[in-house]
Protein backbone atom coordinates (compact mmCIF):
# COMPACT_ATOMS: atom_id res chain seq x y z
CA MET A 1 0.00 0.00 0.00
CA LYS A 2 2.84 2.38 0.88
CA LEU A 3 4.50 1.59 -2.46
CA LEU A 4 1.30 2.49 -4.33
CA GLN A 5 1.09 5.82 -2.52
CA ILE A 6 4.69 6.64 -3.39
CA PHE A 7 4.03 5.74 -7.03
CA SER A 8 0.81 7.77 -7.21
CA ASN A 9 2.46 10.81 -5.61
CA SER A 10 5.34 10.64 -8.09
CA LEU A 11 3.04 11.15 -11.05
CA PHE A 12 3.26 14.60 -12.58
CA LEU A 13 -0.43 15.41 -12.61
CA LYS A 14 -1.69 17.65 -9.86
CA SER A 15 -4.78 16.57 -7.97
CA THR A 16 -6.81 19.45 -9.38
CA THR A 17 -5.93 18.39 -12.93
CA LEU A 18 -6.89 14.79 -12.16
CA VAL A 19 -10.23 15.88 -10.69
CA SER A 20 -10.97 17.88 -13.84
CA LEU A 21 -10.05 14.95 -16.11
CA VAL A 22 -12.11 12.50 -14.04
CA SER A 23 -15.20 14.68 -14.24
CA ILE A 24 -14.89 15.45 -17.95
CA LEU A 25 -14.27 11.82 -18.93
CA ALA A 26 -17.08 10.65 -16.62
CA VAL A 27 -19.48 12.91 -18.54
CA ILE A 28 -18.18 12.37 -22.09
CA GLY A 29 -17.60 8.58 -21.80
CA PRO A 30 -21.26 7.74 -21.04
CA ILE A 31 -22.45 10.11 -23.79
CA VAL A 32 -20.24 8.25 -26.28
CA ILE A 33 -21.68 4.95 -25.02
CA VAL A 34 -25.30 6.02 -25.42
CA SER A 35 -24.69 7.63 -28.82
CA ALA A 36 -23.13 4.41 -30.09
CA GLY A 37 -26.04 2.51 -28.53
CA PHE A 38 -28.44 4.46 -30.72
CA TRP A 39 -26.20 3.74 -33.70
CA ASP A 40 -26.45 0.04 -32.80
CA ALA A 41 -30.25 0.35 -32.66
CA ILE A 42 -30.25 1.89 -36.15
CA SER A 43 -28.14 -1.04 -37.33
CA HIS A 44 -30.89 -3.34 -36.03
CA ILE A 45 -33.49 -1.40 -38.02
CA LEU A 46 -31.35 -1.75 -41.16
CA LYS A 47 -31.03 -5.51 -40.47
CA GLU A 48 -27.25 -5.30 -40.48
CA PRO A 49 -25.44 -8.41 -39.21
CA GLU A 50 -25.10 -8.42 -35.42
CA PHE A 51 -21.80 -9.36 -33.85
CA PHE A 52 -19.96 -8.16 -30.79
CA TRP A 53 -17.09 -6.40 -32.59
CA SER A 54 -19.34 -4.34 -34.86
CA PRO A 55 -18.30 -0.70 -35.37
CA SER A 56 -21.06 0.55 -33.07
CA HIS A 57 -19.99 -1.82 -30.29
CA ILE A 58 -16.38 -0.69 -30.66
CA VAL A 59 -17.50 2.91 -30.14
CA VAL A 60 -19.59 1.83 -27.12
CA TYR A 61 -16.53 0.30 -25.52
CA THR A 62 -14.42 3.33 -26.42
CA GLY A 63 -16.81 5.22 -24.14
CA VAL A 64 -16.45 2.51 -21.50
CA PHE A 65 -12.66 2.87 -21.81
CA MET A 66 -12.98 6.64 -21.25
CA THR A 67 -14.98 6.01 -18.09
CA THR A 68 -12.42 3.40 -17.00
CA ILE A 69 -9.59 5.92 -17.45
CA ALA A 70 -11.61 8.35 -15.28
CA ALA A 71 -11.99 5.62 -12.66
CA GLY A 72 -8.25 4.88 -12.75
CA MET A 73 -7.43 8.53 -12.16
CA GLY A 74 -10.04 8.56 -9.40
CA CYS A 75 -8.25 5.66 -7.74
CA LEU A 76 -5.03 7.69 -7.81
CA LEU A 77 -6.83 10.58 -6.10
CA LEU A 78 -8.17 8.23 -3.43
CA LEU A 79 -4.69 6.77 -2.89
CA ARG A 80 -3.27 10.26 -2.46
CA LYS A 81 -6.03 10.96 0.08
CA SER A 82 -6.45 14.37 -1.56
CA VAL A 83 -10.25 14.27 -1.88
CA HIS A 84 -12.95 14.45 0.76
CA GLY A 85 -16.71 14.79 1.19
CA SER A 86 -18.93 14.88 -1.89
CA LEU A 87 -15.87 14.95 -4.14
CA LYS A 88 -14.74 11.61 -2.71
CA THR A 89 -18.28 10.21 -3.04
CA GLY A 90 -18.43 11.34 -6.68
CA ILE A 91 -15.12 9.68 -7.48
CA LYS A 92 -16.25 6.45 -5.81
CA LEU A 93 -19.46 6.50 -7.91
CA VAL A 94 -17.40 6.91 -11.10
CA ILE A 95 -15.23 3.96 -10.06
CA VAL A 96 -18.20 1.71 -9.22
CA GLY A 97 -20.01 2.79 -12.42
CA SER A 98 -16.93 1.93 -14.45
CA ILE A 99 -16.60 -1.51 -12.85
CA VAL A 100 -20.29 -2.24 -13.51
CA GLN A 101 -19.83 -1.19 -17.16
CA MET A 102 -16.79 -3.43 -17.63
CA ILE A 103 -18.52 -6.45 -16.11
CA SER A 104 -21.60 -5.77 -18.23
CA GLY A 105 -19.41 -5.48 -21.32
CA PHE A 106 -17.98 -8.91 -20.65
CA GLY A 107 -21.52 -10.18 -20.06
CA ASP A 108 -22.66 -8.60 -23.33
CA SER A 109 -19.85 -10.35 -25.17
CA LEU A 110 -20.93 -13.69 -23.66
CA SER A 111 -24.55 -12.93 -24.51
CA HIS A 112 -23.67 -12.29 -28.16
CA ASP A 113 -21.62 -15.48 -28.31
CA LEU A 114 -24.39 -17.59 -26.77
CA PHE A 115 -27.57 -15.99 -28.14
CA GLY A 116 -26.49 -13.92 -31.14
CA ILE A 117 -28.56 -10.81 -31.66
CA ASP A 118 -29.96 -9.27 -28.54
CA GLY A 119 -32.35 -6.46 -27.90
CA LEU A 120 -32.96 -3.34 -25.97
CA ILE A 121 -33.85 -5.41 -22.92
CA SER A 122 -31.18 -7.92 -21.98
CA TRP A 123 -29.43 -9.16 -18.87
CA SER A 124 -26.27 -7.30 -19.90
CA HIS A 125 -27.68 -4.01 -21.19
CA GLN A 126 -29.54 -2.84 -18.08
CA PRO A 127 -26.52 -3.25 -15.75
CA LEU A 128 -24.46 -1.32 -18.32
CA GLU A 129 -27.07 1.46 -18.21
CA PHE A 130 -26.95 1.39 -14.40
CA GLY A 131 -23.18 1.87 -14.62
CA LEU A 132 -23.79 4.89 -16.86
CA VAL A 133 -26.14 6.38 -14.29
CA LEU A 134 -23.63 5.85 -11.46
CA ALA A 135 -20.70 7.32 -13.41
CA SER A 136 -22.69 10.34 -14.58
CA LEU A 137 -24.03 10.96 -11.05
CA GLY A 138 -20.44 10.82 -9.83
CA ALA A 139 -19.49 13.40 -12.46
CA VAL A 140 -22.32 15.70 -11.31
CA LEU A 141 -21.10 15.48 -7.70
CA ILE A 142 -17.49 16.16 -8.72
CA ILE A 143 -18.38 19.14 -10.89
CA LYS A 144 -20.79 20.51 -8.27
CA ASN A 145 -17.95 20.30 -5.74
CA ARG A 146 -15.70 22.28 -8.12
CA GLU A 147 -18.37 24.86 -8.97
CA HIS A 148 -15.97 27.72 -8.17
CA THR A 149 -13.64 26.64 -11.01
CA LYS A 150 -13.97 26.58 -14.79
CA LEU A 151 -15.57 23.14 -14.42
CA LYS A 152 -18.84 24.91 -13.57
CA LEU A 153 -19.40 25.25 -17.33
CA PHE A 154 -19.88 21.47 -17.47
CA LEU A 155 -22.46 21.37 -14.66
CA PRO A 156 -25.63 21.89 -16.77
CA PHE A 157 -24.30 19.45 -19.37
CA SER A 158 -23.53 16.81 -16.72
CA ILE A 159 -26.94 17.21 -15.05
CA ILE A 160 -28.75 16.81 -18.37
CA ALA A 161 -26.66 13.72 -19.17
CA PHE A 162 -27.43 12.20 -15.75
CA LEU A 163 -31.16 12.88 -16.13
CA PHE A 164 -31.17 11.41 -19.63
CA PHE A 165 -29.36 8.23 -18.57
CA SER A 166 -31.64 7.81 -15.56
CA THR A 167 -34.75 8.29 -17.70
CA TRP A 168 -33.44 5.80 -20.28
CA LEU A 169 -32.81 3.17 -17.59
CA ILE A 170 -36.26 3.71 -16.08
CA PHE A 171 -37.84 3.47 -19.54
CA ASN A 172 -36.13 0.14 -20.15
CA LEU A 173 -37.07 -1.20 -16.72
CA VAL A 174 -40.70 -0.24 -17.36
CA LEU A 175 -40.54 -2.29 -20.57
CA ILE A 176 -39.74 -5.37 -18.52
CA PHE A 177 -43.00 -5.05 -16.61
CA GLY A 178 -45.25 -3.72 -19.37
CA HIS A 179 -43.71 -5.50 -22.31
CA THR A 180 -46.83 -7.04 -23.85
CA ILE A 181 -48.30 -3.77 -25.07
CA GLN A 182 -45.19 -1.61 -25.24
CA CYS A 183 -43.00 -4.07 -27.11
CA ILE A 184 -45.19 -3.95 -30.19
CA GLN A 185 -43.93 -0.43 -30.96
CA ILE A 186 -40.49 -0.93 -29.45
CA TYR A 187 -39.92 -4.02 -31.57
CA GLU A 188 -40.45 -2.00 -34.72
CA ILE A 189 -38.03 0.67 -33.59
CA PHE A 190 -35.28 -1.54 -32.22
CA SER A 191 -35.91 -4.61 -34.38
CA SER A 192 -35.12 -7.11 -31.64
CA GLY A 193 -35.90 -4.75 -28.81
CA CYS A 194 -38.01 -7.19 -26.86
CA SER A 195 -36.53 -10.49 -28.00
CA ILE A 196 -35.06 -11.27 -24.59
CA LEU A 197 -38.42 -10.81 -22.90
């Protein structure tokens, strides 16, 4: 543990710079993920072949990688013990959200290998969306904590992103319970949107 602290303190980045990078990547990474998710949905409409390493999936996991980088920098900040209060909570949420996304990504890969094409509702997509919500909430807390800096410009953007991701997750969870009627329209939009149900 002492060795890790020495290593993290020897890095050239100041804590304030790391906090800024964590918050920016924790906002942009999930936006990249969701944008590529919509691209994937359009691919379903166009009946393009579905496989895990499709271009849209690669972009999704580029966003996951961005969030993972944010989480790694957050771990450095925690090791340095240079963050406290809501800032520390925000960083922990980014880290947990990143871990959930990575596990869900592995689960999505397995799902594609075992079942082929999947839909909007699947055992791997909703945990991934939950990871997005956690990471974006963490970004809101971090930016809110740094409201007196230039990061305050990102606050409205991060709040909108968090609200969008939360709404999207709730929408998908509602589909699980009301799928009989709702999936008729969703199926047309997302092609296989309700196939897992």
